[in-house]
Amino acid sequence: MFHDIIKKVPTRDYGIEGLEVHVDHTSTGTVYFVTATKEVAFPEHTHAAQWTIVVSGECYFTAEGKTTTYKQGETYFIPAGLRHQITLGAGYSEVDYVDDPND
């Protein structure tokens, strides 16, 4: 999904079939390039503040009992420490910035 230039960014293996994640660290945060070739459901979790832009497909974000669907071109922000669950649809891709250089 992403341009070939992203293939130079190191990958992180989450051990989840159909999930490809390229991760790069800056001095202030971590950038993720995420692609799901099949549906991927992450369990509820927390982390540092995160801003995401959906590049393709859609995801289902659940927090505080409410589920929101995000689609191509939309962005969302997750405050630090917010417990949430997310499911990525098949064909989904996103770019994330997490406010933690060691994430």
PDB file of N, CA and C in Angstrom:
ATOM      1  N   MET A   1       0.818  -1.186   0.000  1.00  0.00           N
ATOM      2  CA  MET A   1       0.000   0.000   0.000  1.00  0.00           C
ATOM      3  C   MET A   1       0.865   1.255   0.000  1.00  0.00           C
ATOM      4  N   PHE A   2       1.880   1.298   0.855  1.00  0.00           N
ATOM      5  CA  PHE A   2       2.731   2.473   0.947  1.00  0.00           C
ATOM      6  C   PHE A   2       3.771   2.474  -0.175  1.00  0.00           C
ATOM      7  N   HIS A   3       4.287   3.649  -0.469  1.00  0.00           N
ATOM      8  CA  HIS A   3       5.320   3.802  -1.485  1.00  0.00           C
ATOM      9  C   HIS A   3       6.562   2.984  -1.095  1.00  0.00           C
ATOM     10  N   ASP A   4       7.347   2.601  -2.082  1.00  0.00           N
ATOM     11  CA  ASP A   4       8.546   1.793  -1.846  1.00  0.00           C
ATOM     12  C   ASP A   4       9.515   2.422  -0.851  1.00  0.00           C
ATOM     13  N   ILE A   5       9.519   3.736  -0.727  1.00  0.00           N
ATOM     14  CA  ILE A   5      10.422   4.398   0.208  1.00  0.00           C
ATOM     15  C   ILE A   5      10.192   3.921   1.646  1.00  0.00           C
ATOM     16  N   ILE A   6       8.961   3.542   1.976  1.00  0.00           N
ATOM     17  CA  ILE A   6       8.627   3.083   3.327  1.00  0.00           C
ATOM     18  C   ILE A   6       9.234   1.711   3.607  1.00  0.00           C
ATOM     19  N   LYS A   7       9.503   0.931   2.569  1.00  0.00           N
ATOM     20  CA  LYS A   7      10.097  -0.394   2.770  1.00  0.00           C
ATOM     21  C   LYS A   7      11.480  -0.311   3.400  1.00  0.00           C
ATOM     22  N   LYS A   8      12.118   0.876   3.344  1.00  0.00           N
ATOM     23  CA  LYS A   8      13.423   1.071   3.993  1.00  0.00           C
ATOM     24  C   LYS A   8      13.284   1.257   5.500  1.00  0.00           C
ATOM     25  N   VAL A   9      12.083   1.583   5.955  1.00  0.00           N
ATOM     26  CA  VAL A   9      11.831   1.774   7.387  1.00  0.00           C
ATOM     27  C   VAL A   9      11.758   0.390   8.033  1.00  0.00           C
ATOM     28  N   PRO A  10      12.438   0.160   9.137  1.00  0.00           N
ATOM     29  CA  PRO A  10      12.435  -1.161   9.774  1.00  0.00           C
ATOM     30  C   PRO A  10      11.026  -1.644  10.123  1.00  0.00           C
ATOM     31  N   THR A  11      10.838  -2.956  10.049  1.00  0.00           N
ATOM     32  CA  THR A  11       9.545  -3.544  10.412  1.00  0.00           C
ATOM     33  C   THR A  11       9.591  -4.037  11.853  1.00  0.00           C
ATOM     34  N   ARG A  12       8.403  -4.123  12.445  1.00  0.00           N
ATOM     35  CA  ARG A  12       8.251  -4.712  13.778  1.00  0.00           C
ATOM     36  C   ARG A  12       7.285  -5.872  13.635  1.00  0.00           C
ATOM     37  N   ASP A  13       7.699  -7.030  14.095  1.00  0.00           N
ATOM     38  CA  ASP A  13       6.870  -8.234  13.995  1.00  0.00           C
ATOM     39  C   ASP A  13       6.003  -8.375  15.237  1.00  0.00           C
ATOM     40  N   TYR A  14       4.699  -8.231  15.048  1.00  0.00           N
ATOM     41  CA  TYR A  14       3.750  -8.409  16.146  1.00  0.00           C
ATOM     42  C   TYR A  14       3.245  -9.844  16.221  1.00  0.00           C
ATOM     43  N   GLY A  15       3.676 -10.698  15.281  1.00  0.00           N
ATOM     44  CA  GLY A  15       3.240 -12.089  15.281  1.00  0.00           C
ATOM     45  C   GLY A  15       1.786 -12.250  14.880  1.00  0.00           C
ATOM     46  N   ILE A  16       1.252 -11.279  14.132  1.00  0.00           N
ATOM     47  CA  ILE A  16      -0.152 -11.314  13.702  1.00  0.00           C
ATOM     48  C   ILE A  16      -0.181 -11.452  12.191  1.00  0.00           C
ATOM     49  N   GLU A  17      -0.766 -12.548  11.711  1.00  0.00           N
ATOM     50  CA  GLU A  17      -0.870 -12.785  10.281  1.00  0.00           C
ATOM     51  C   GLU A  17      -1.675 -11.663   9.624  1.00  0.00           C
ATOM     52  N   GLY A  18      -1.160 -11.169   8.501  1.00  0.00           N
ATOM     53  CA  GLY A  18      -1.862 -10.133   7.752  1.00  0.00           C
ATOM     54  C   GLY A  18      -1.548  -8.714   8.199  1.00  0.00           C
ATOM     55  N   LEU A  19      -0.665  -8.556   9.179  1.00  0.00           N
ATOM     56  CA  LEU A  19      -0.314  -7.236   9.695  1.00  0.00           C
ATOM     57  C   LEU A  19       1.137  -6.926   9.348  1.00  0.00           C
ATOM     58  N   GLU A  20       1.373  -5.771   8.717  1.00  0.00           N
ATOM     59  CA  GLU A  20       2.730  -5.310   8.433  1.00  0.00           C
ATOM     60  C   GLU A  20       2.880  -3.926   9.042  1.00  0.00           C
ATOM     61  N   VAL A  21       3.927  -3.751   9.861  1.00  0.00           N
ATOM     62  CA  VAL A  21       4.154  -2.488  10.554  1.00  0.00           C
ATOM     63  C   VAL A  21       5.612  -2.070  10.372  1.00  0.00           C
ATOM     64  N   HIS A  22       5.797  -0.877   9.826  1.00  0.00           N
ATOM     65  CA  HIS A  22       7.115  -0.259   9.721  1.00  0.00           C
ATOM     66  C   HIS A  22       7.184   0.811  10.798  1.00  0.00           C
ATOM     67  N   VAL A  23       8.291   0.845  11.550  1.00  0.00           N
ATOM     68  CA  VAL A  23       8.408   1.722  12.719  1.00  0.00           C
ATOM     69  C   VAL A  23       9.695   2.528  12.630  1.00  0.00           C
ATOM     70  N   ASP A  24       9.573   3.833  12.859  1.00  0.00           N
ATOM     71  CA  ASP A  24      10.749   4.699  12.902  1.00  0.00           C
ATOM     72  C   ASP A  24      10.649   5.609  14.114  1.00  0.00           C
ATOM     73  N   HIS A  25      11.760   5.780  14.790  1.00  0.00           N
ATOM     74  CA  HIS A  25      11.792   6.585  16.008  1.00  0.00           C
ATOM     75  C   HIS A  25      12.414   7.950  15.723  1.00  0.00           C
ATOM     76  N   THR A  26      11.821   8.978  16.298  1.00  0.00           N
ATOM     77  CA  THR A  26      12.395  10.318  16.237  1.00  0.00           C
ATOM     78  C   THR A  26      12.851  10.677  17.647  1.00  0.00           C
ATOM     79  N   SER A  27      13.383  11.850  17.820  1.00  0.00           N
ATOM     80  CA  SER A  27      13.828  12.261  19.155  1.00  0.00           C
ATOM     81  C   SER A  27      12.655  12.532  20.093  1.00  0.00           C
ATOM     82  N   THR A  28      11.449  12.733  19.527  1.00  0.00           N
ATOM     83  CA  THR A  28      10.288  13.068  20.359  1.00  0.00           C
ATOM     84  C   THR A  28       9.154  12.052  20.307  1.00  0.00           C
ATOM     85  N   GLY A  29       9.184  11.133  19.349  1.00  0.00           N
ATOM     86  CA  GLY A  29       8.070  10.193  19.219  1.00  0.00           C
ATOM     87  C   GLY A  29       8.409   9.049  18.290  1.00  0.00           C
ATOM     88  N   THR A  30       7.380   8.266  17.961  1.00  0.00           N
ATOM     89  CA  THR A  30       7.524   7.103  17.088  1.00  0.00           C
ATOM     90  C   THR A  30       6.495   7.175  15.977  1.00  0.00           C
ATOM     91  N   VAL A  31       6.943   6.906  14.740  1.00  0.00           N
ATOM     92  CA  VAL A  31       6.066   6.926  13.571  1.00  0.00           C
ATOM     93  C   VAL A  31       5.841   5.484  13.116  1.00  0.00           C
ATOM     94  N   TYR A  32       4.579   5.155  12.879  1.00  0.00           N
ATOM     95  CA  TYR A  32       4.188   3.816  12.426  1.00  0.00           C
ATOM     96  C   TYR A  32       3.512   3.908  11.060  1.00  0.00           C
ATOM     97  N   PHE A  33       3.848   2.991  10.171  1.00  0.00           N
ATOM     98  CA  PHE A  33       3.163   2.801   8.900  1.00  0.00           C
ATOM     99  C   PHE A  33       2.550   1.410   8.989  1.00  0.00           C
ATOM    100  N   VAL A  34       1.242   1.328   9.074  1.00  0.00           N
ATOM    101  CA  VAL A  34       0.541   0.078   9.379  1.00  0.00           C
ATOM    102  C   VAL A  34      -0.319  -0.344   8.187  1.00  0.00           C
ATOM    103  N   THR A  35      -0.230  -1.619   7.817  1.00  0.00           N
ATOM    104  CA  THR A  35      -1.068  -2.194   6.763  1.00  0.00           C
ATOM    105  C   THR A  35      -1.660  -3.508   7.263  1.00  0.00           C
ATOM    106  N   ALA A  36      -2.949  -3.702   7.010  1.00  0.00           N
ATOM    107  CA  ALA A  36      -3.625  -4.969   7.340  1.00  0.00           C
ATOM    108  C   ALA A  36      -4.199  -5.554   6.055  1.00  0.00           C
ATOM    109  N   THR A  37      -3.732  -6.741   5.677  1.00  0.00           N
ATOM    110  CA  THR A  37      -4.257  -7.393   4.481  1.00  0.00           C
ATOM    111  C   THR A  37      -5.494  -8.231   4.791  1.00  0.00           C
ATOM    112  N   LYS A  38      -5.732  -8.476   6.081  1.00  0.00           N
ATOM    113  CA  LYS A  38      -6.941  -9.156   6.531  1.00  0.00           C
ATOM    114  C   LYS A  38      -7.381  -8.472   7.818  1.00  0.00           C
ATOM    115  N   GLU A  39      -8.569  -8.756   8.303  1.00  0.00           N
ATOM    116  CA  GLU A  39      -9.048  -8.112   9.526  1.00  0.00           C
ATOM    117  C   GLU A  39      -8.141  -8.466  10.706  1.00  0.00           C
ATOM    118  N   VAL A  40      -7.773  -7.441  11.468  1.00  0.00           N
ATOM    119  CA  VAL A  40      -6.908  -7.611  12.629  1.00  0.00           C
ATOM    120  C   VAL A  40      -7.553  -6.903  13.818  1.00  0.00           C
ATOM    121  N   ALA A  41      -7.785  -7.638  14.903  1.00  0.00           N
ATOM    122  CA  ALA A  41      -8.388  -7.062  16.114  1.00  0.00           C
ATOM    123  C   ALA A  41      -7.343  -7.017  17.218  1.00  0.00           C
ATOM    124  N   PHE A  42      -7.064  -5.813  17.701  1.00  0.00           N
ATOM    125  CA  PHE A  42      -6.155  -5.648  18.838  1.00  0.00           C
ATOM    126  C   PHE A  42      -6.969  -5.652  20.120  1.00  0.00           C
ATOM    127  N   PRO A  43      -6.491  -6.306  21.157  1.00  0.00           N
ATOM    128  CA  PRO A  43      -7.212  -6.284  22.442  1.00  0.00           C
ATOM    129  C   PRO A  43      -7.146  -4.889  23.064  1.00  0.00           C
ATOM    130  N   GLU A  44      -7.970  -4.666  24.056  1.00  0.00           N
ATOM    131  CA  GLU A  44      -7.970  -3.393  24.752  1.00  0.00           C
ATOM    132  C   GLU A  44      -6.581  -3.119  25.333  1.00  0.00           C
ATOM    133  N   HIS A  45      -6.134  -1.868  25.215  1.00  0.00           N
ATOM    134  CA  HIS A  45      -4.796  -1.499  25.672  1.00  0.00           C
ATOM    135  C   HIS A  45      -4.706   0.011  25.885  1.00  0.00           C
ATOM    136  N   THR A  46      -3.565   0.465  26.394  1.00  0.00           N
ATOM    137  CA  THR A  46      -3.277   1.891  26.563  1.00  0.00           C
ATOM    138  C   THR A  46      -1.852   2.162  26.083  1.00  0.00           C
ATOM    139  N   HIS A  47      -1.565   3.428  25.837  1.00  0.00           N
ATOM    140  CA  HIS A  47      -0.224   3.859  25.456  1.00  0.00           C
ATOM    141  C   HIS A  47      -0.162   5.374  25.524  1.00  0.00           C
ATOM    142  N   ALA A  48       0.960   5.947  25.086  1.00  0.00           N
ATOM    143  CA  ALA A  48       1.127   7.395  25.037  1.00  0.00           C
ATOM    144  C   ALA A  48       0.136   7.993  24.028  1.00  0.00           C
ATOM    145  N   ALA A  49       0.023   9.301  24.011  1.00  0.00           N
ATOM    146  CA  ALA A  49      -0.869   9.981  23.063  1.00  0.00           C
ATOM    147  C   ALA A  49      -0.520   9.583  21.628  1.00  0.00           C
ATOM    148  N   GLN A  50      -1.567   9.440  20.798  1.00  0.00           N
ATOM    149  CA  GLN A  50      -1.376   8.987  19.413  1.00  0.00           C
ATOM    150  C   GLN A  50      -2.280   9.789  18.488  1.00  0.00           C
ATOM    151  N   TRP A  51      -1.721  10.201  17.348  1.00  0.00           N
ATOM    152  CA  TRP A  51      -2.505  10.816  16.272  1.00  0.00           C
ATOM    153  C   TRP A  51      -2.392   9.910  15.063  1.00  0.00           C
ATOM    154  N   THR A  52      -3.521   9.637  14.392  1.00  0.00           N
ATOM    155  CA  THR A  52      -3.567   8.704  13.269  1.00  0.00           C
ATOM    156  C   THR A  52      -4.284   9.324  12.080  1.00  0.00           C
ATOM    157  N   ILE A  53      -3.779   9.045  10.878  1.00  0.00           N
ATOM    158  CA  ILE A  53      -4.500   9.354   9.644  1.00  0.00           C
ATOM    159  C   ILE A  53      -4.724   8.033   8.907  1.00  0.00           C
ATOM    160  N   VAL A  54      -5.965   7.805   8.493  1.00  0.00           N
ATOM    161  CA  VAL A  54      -6.325   6.592   7.764  1.00  0.00           C
ATOM    162  C   VAL A  54      -5.988   6.815   6.287  1.00  0.00           C
ATOM    163  N   VAL A  55      -5.129   5.952   5.749  1.00  0.00           N
ATOM    164  CA  VAL A  55      -4.695   6.072   4.362  1.00  0.00           C
ATOM    165  C   VAL A  55      -5.635   5.318   3.431  1.00  0.00           C
ATOM    166  N   SER A  56      -6.105   4.142   3.864  1.00  0.00           N
ATOM    167  CA  SER A  56      -7.050   3.363   3.057  1.00  0.00           C
ATOM    168  C   SER A  56      -7.884   2.465   3.966  1.00  0.00           C
ATOM    169  N   GLY A  57      -9.040   2.064   3.470  1.00  0.00           N
ATOM    170  CA  GLY A  57      -9.911   1.157   4.211  1.00  0.00           C
ATOM    171  C   GLY A  57     -10.582   1.822   5.393  1.00  0.00           C
ATOM    172  N   GLU A  58     -10.921   0.987   6.399  1.00  0.00           N
ATOM    173  CA  GLU A  58     -11.580   1.510   7.588  1.00  0.00           C
ATOM    174  C   GLU A  58     -11.197   0.705   8.821  1.00  0.00           C
ATOM    175  N   CYS A  59     -11.341   1.369   9.979  1.00  0.00           N
ATOM    176  CA  CYS A  59     -11.077   0.728  11.258  1.00  0.00           C
ATOM    177  C   CYS A  59     -12.224   1.053  12.201  1.00  0.00           C
ATOM    178  N   TYR A  60     -12.318   0.263  13.265  1.00  0.00           N
ATOM    179  CA  TYR A  60     -13.390   0.400  14.249  1.00  0.00           C
ATOM    180  C   TYR A  60     -12.731   0.605  15.608  1.00  0.00           C
ATOM    181  N   PHE A  61     -12.865   1.805  16.136  1.00  0.00           N
ATOM    182  CA  PHE A  61     -12.198   2.227  17.358  1.00  0.00           C
ATOM    183  C   PHE A  61     -13.216   2.273  18.491  1.00  0.00           C
ATOM    184  N   THR A  62     -12.945   1.564  19.589  1.00  0.00           N
ATOM    185  CA  THR A  62     -13.865   1.518  20.718  1.00  0.00           C
ATOM    186  C   THR A  62     -13.171   2.025  21.977  1.00  0.00           C
ATOM    187  N   ALA A  63     -13.818   3.009  22.630  1.00  0.00           N
ATOM    188  CA  ALA A  63     -13.326   3.545  23.899  1.00  0.00           C
ATOM    189  C   ALA A  63     -14.523   4.059  24.683  1.00  0.00           C
ATOM    190  N   GLU A  64     -14.486   3.833  25.980  1.00  0.00           N
ATOM    191  CA  GLU A  64     -15.543   4.314  26.881  1.00  0.00           C
ATOM    192  C   GLU A  64     -16.943   3.893  26.412  1.00  0.00           C
ATOM    193  N   GLY A  65     -17.027   2.649  25.893  1.00  0.00           N
ATOM    194  CA  GLY A  65     -18.312   2.085  25.494  1.00  0.00           C
ATOM    195  C   GLY A  65     -18.858   2.554  24.156  1.00  0.00           C
ATOM    196  N   LYS A  66     -18.098   3.340  23.414  1.00  0.00           N
ATOM    197  CA  LYS A  66     -18.561   3.865  22.126  1.00  0.00           C
ATOM    198  C   LYS A  66     -17.628   3.415  21.011  1.00  0.00           C
ATOM    199  N   THR A  67     -18.208   2.915  19.900  1.00  0.00           N
ATOM    200  CA  THR A  67     -17.425   2.506  18.740  1.00  0.00           C
ATOM    201  C   THR A  67     -17.616   3.516  17.619  1.00  0.00           C
ATOM    202  N   THR A  68     -16.492   3.941  17.046  1.00  0.00           N
ATOM    203  CA  THR A  68     -16.496   4.891  15.935  1.00  0.00           C
ATOM    204  C   THR A  68     -15.756   4.266  14.765  1.00  0.00           C
ATOM    205  N   THR A  69     -16.302   4.421  13.564  1.00  0.00           N
ATOM    206  CA  THR A  69     -15.651   3.947  12.348  1.00  0.00           C
ATOM    207  C   THR A  69     -14.889   5.104  11.721  1.00  0.00           C
ATOM    208  N   TYR A  70     -13.627   4.855  11.376  1.00  0.00           N
ATOM    209  CA  TYR A  70     -12.805   5.840  10.686  1.00  0.00           C
ATOM    210  C   TYR A  70     -12.448   5.294   9.319  1.00  0.00           C
ATOM    211  N   LYS A  71     -12.533   6.165   8.291  1.00  0.00           N
ATOM    212  CA  LYS A  71     -12.298   5.759   6.904  1.00  0.00           C
ATOM    213  C   LYS A  71     -11.204   6.607   6.269  1.00  0.00           C
ATOM    214  N   GLN A  72     -10.843   6.227   5.058  1.00  0.00           N
ATOM    215  CA  GLN A  72      -9.781   6.891   4.307  1.00  0.00           C
ATOM    216  C   GLN A  72      -9.892   8.412   4.389  1.00  0.00           C
ATOM    217  N   GLY A  73      -8.764   9.051   4.731  1.00  0.00           N
ATOM    218  CA  GLY A  73      -8.698  10.502   4.802  1.00  0.00           C
ATOM    219  C   GLY A  73      -9.067  11.091   6.149  1.00  0.00           C
ATOM    220  N   GLU A  74      -9.637  10.285   7.035  1.00  0.00           N
ATOM    221  CA  GLU A  74     -10.028  10.782   8.349  1.00  0.00           C
ATOM    222  C   GLU A  74      -8.866  10.626   9.328  1.00  0.00           C
ATOM    223  N   THR A  75      -8.891  11.454  10.361  1.00  0.00           N
ATOM    224  CA  THR A  75      -7.886  11.382  11.411  1.00  0.00           C
ATOM    225  C   THR A  75      -8.571  11.205  12.756  1.00  0.00           C
ATOM    226  N   TYR A  76      -7.803  10.712  13.710  1.00  0.00           N
ATOM    227  CA  TYR A  76      -8.307  10.650  15.082  1.00  0.00           C
ATOM    228  C   TYR A  76      -7.147  10.774  16.056  1.00  0.00           C
ATOM    229  N   PHE A  77      -7.465  11.166  17.278  1.00  0.00           N
ATOM    230  CA  PHE A  77      -6.477  11.370  18.333  1.00  0.00           C
ATOM    231  C   PHE A  77      -6.858  10.522  19.530  1.00  0.00           C
ATOM    232  N   ILE A  78      -5.871   9.831  20.109  1.00  0.00           N
ATOM    233  CA  ILE A  78      -6.073   9.022  21.305  1.00  0.00           C
ATOM    234  C   ILE A  78      -5.274   9.670  22.434  1.00  0.00           C
ATOM    235  N   PRO A  79      -5.941  10.179  23.456  1.00  0.00           N
ATOM    236  CA  PRO A  79      -5.197  10.764  24.580  1.00  0.00           C
ATOM    237  C   PRO A  79      -4.374   9.703  25.310  1.00  0.00           C
ATOM    238  N   ALA A  80      -3.276  10.128  25.888  1.00  0.00           N
ATOM    239  CA  ALA A  80      -2.419   9.215  26.656  1.00  0.00           C
ATOM    240  C   ALA A  80      -3.219   8.515  27.740  1.00  0.00           C
ATOM    241  N   GLY A  81      -3.029   7.203  27.849  1.00  0.00           N
ATOM    242  CA  GLY A  81      -3.653   6.428  28.913  1.00  0.00           C
ATOM    243  C   GLY A  81      -5.091   6.016  28.681  1.00  0.00           C
ATOM    244  N   LEU A  82      -5.712   6.416  27.566  1.00  0.00           N
ATOM    245  CA  LEU A  82      -7.107   6.036  27.297  1.00  0.00           C
ATOM    246  C   LEU A  82      -7.167   4.553  26.946  1.00  0.00           C
ATOM    247  N   ARG A  83      -7.951   3.774  27.698  1.00  0.00           N
ATOM    248  CA  ARG A  83      -8.149   2.356  27.380  1.00  0.00           C
ATOM    249  C   ARG A  83      -9.012   2.286  26.131  1.00  0.00           C
ATOM    250  N   HIS A  84      -8.548   1.517  25.140  1.00  0.00           N
ATOM    251  CA  HIS A  84      -9.283   1.416  23.885  1.00  0.00           C
ATOM    252  C   HIS A  84      -8.992   0.082  23.200  1.00  0.00           C
ATOM    253  N   GLN A  85      -9.842  -0.240  22.253  1.00  0.00           N
ATOM    254  CA  GLN A  85      -9.705  -1.438  21.420  1.00  0.00           C
ATOM    255  C   GLN A  85      -9.877  -0.974  19.981  1.00  0.00           C
ATOM    256  N   ILE A  86      -9.155  -1.601  19.059  1.00  0.00           N
ATOM    257  CA  ILE A  86      -9.276  -1.232  17.652  1.00  0.00           C
ATOM    258  C   ILE A  86      -9.235  -2.472  16.776  1.00  0.00           C
ATOM    259  N   THR A  87     -10.075  -2.459  15.748  1.00  0.00           N
ATOM    260  CA  THR A  87     -10.089  -3.517  14.746  1.00  0.00           C
ATOM    261  C   THR A  87      -9.822  -2.879  13.397  1.00  0.00           C
ATOM    262  N   LEU A  88      -8.828  -3.405  12.687  1.00  0.00           N
ATOM    263  CA  LEU A  88      -8.475  -2.923  11.364  1.00  0.00           C
ATOM    264  C   LEU A  88      -9.144  -3.817  10.333  1.00  0.00           C
ATOM    265  N   GLY A  89      -9.833  -3.220   9.365  1.00  0.00           N
ATOM    266  CA  GLY A  89     -10.460  -4.002   8.310  1.00  0.00           C
ATOM    267  C   GLY A  89      -9.437  -4.470   7.289  1.00  0.00           C
ATOM    268  N   ALA A  90      -9.771  -5.499   6.514  1.00  0.00           N
ATOM    269  CA  ALA A  90      -8.895  -5.966   5.439  1.00  0.00           C
ATOM    270  C   ALA A  90      -8.691  -4.825   4.445  1.00  0.00           C
ATOM    271  N   GLY A  91      -7.439  -4.612   4.019  1.00  0.00           N
ATOM    272  CA  GLY A  91      -7.133  -3.543   3.076  1.00  0.00           C
ATOM    273  C   GLY A  91      -6.897  -2.197   3.743  1.00  0.00           C
ATOM    274  N   TYR A  92      -6.778  -2.205   5.065  1.00  0.00           N
ATOM    275  CA  TYR A  92      -6.601  -0.976   5.832  1.00  0.00           C
ATOM    276  C   TYR A  92      -5.131  -0.573   5.895  1.00  0.00           C
ATOM    277  N   SER A  93      -4.883   0.739   5.891  1.00  0.00           N
ATOM    278  CA  SER A  93      -3.541   1.248   6.172  1.00  0.00           C
ATOM    279  C   SER A  93      -3.661   2.595   6.867  1.00  0.00           C
ATOM    280  N   GLU A  94      -2.656   2.905   7.699  1.00  0.00           N
ATOM    281  CA  GLU A  94      -2.657   4.147   8.471  1.00  0.00           C
ATOM    282  C   GLU A  94      -1.229   4.578   8.735  1.00  0.00           C
ATOM    283  N   VAL A  95      -1.096   5.856   9.079  1.00  0.00           N
ATOM    284  CA  VAL A  95       0.160   6.405   9.595  1.00  0.00           C
ATOM    285  C   VAL A  95      -0.146   6.949  10.977  1.00  0.00           C
ATOM    286  N   ASP A  96       0.669   6.541  11.965  1.00  0.00           N
ATOM    287  CA  ASP A  96       0.481   6.964  13.354  1.00  0.00           C
ATOM    288  C   ASP A  96       1.710   7.726  13.842  1.00  0.00           C
ATOM    289  N   TYR A  97       1.464   8.670  14.704  1.00  0.00           N
ATOM    290  CA  TYR A  97       2.543   9.298  15.473  1.00  0.00           C
ATOM    291  C   TYR A  97       2.202   9.102  16.939  1.00  0.00           C
ATOM    292  N   VAL A  98       3.088   8.436  17.678  1.00  0.00           N
ATOM    293  CA  VAL A  98       2.899   8.200  19.105  1.00  0.00           C
ATOM    294  C   VAL A  98       3.899   9.058  19.856  1.00  0.00           C
ATOM    295  N   ASP A  99       3.403   9.762  20.863  1.00  0.00           N
ATOM    296  CA  ASP A  99       4.184  10.743  21.617  1.00  0.00           C
ATOM    297  C   ASP A  99       5.111  10.075  22.633  1.00  0.00           C
ATOM    298  N   ASP A 100       5.961   9.168  22.112  1.00  0.00           N
ATOM    299  CA  ASP A 100       6.923   8.453  22.950  1.00  0.00           C
ATOM    300  C   ASP A 100       8.028   7.940  22.026  1.00  0.00           C
ATOM    301  N   PRO A 101       9.254   8.456  22.157  1.00  0.00           N
ATOM    302  CA  PRO A 101      10.316   8.006  21.270  1.00  0.00           C
ATOM    303  C   PRO A 101      10.756   6.560  21.476  1.00  0.00           C
ATOM    304  N   ASN A 102      10.308   5.935  22.561  1.00  0.00           N
ATOM    305  CA  ASN A 102      10.680   4.550  22.866  1.00  0.00           C
ATOM    306  C   ASN A 102       9.523   3.562  22.720  1.00  0.00           C
ATOM    307  N   ASP A 103       8.455   3.984  22.063  1.00  0.00           N
ATOM    308  CA  ASP A 103       7.268   3.133  21.940  1.00  0.00           C
ATOM    309  C   ASP A 103       7.566   1.929  21.066  1.00  0.00           C
TER     310      ASP A 103
END
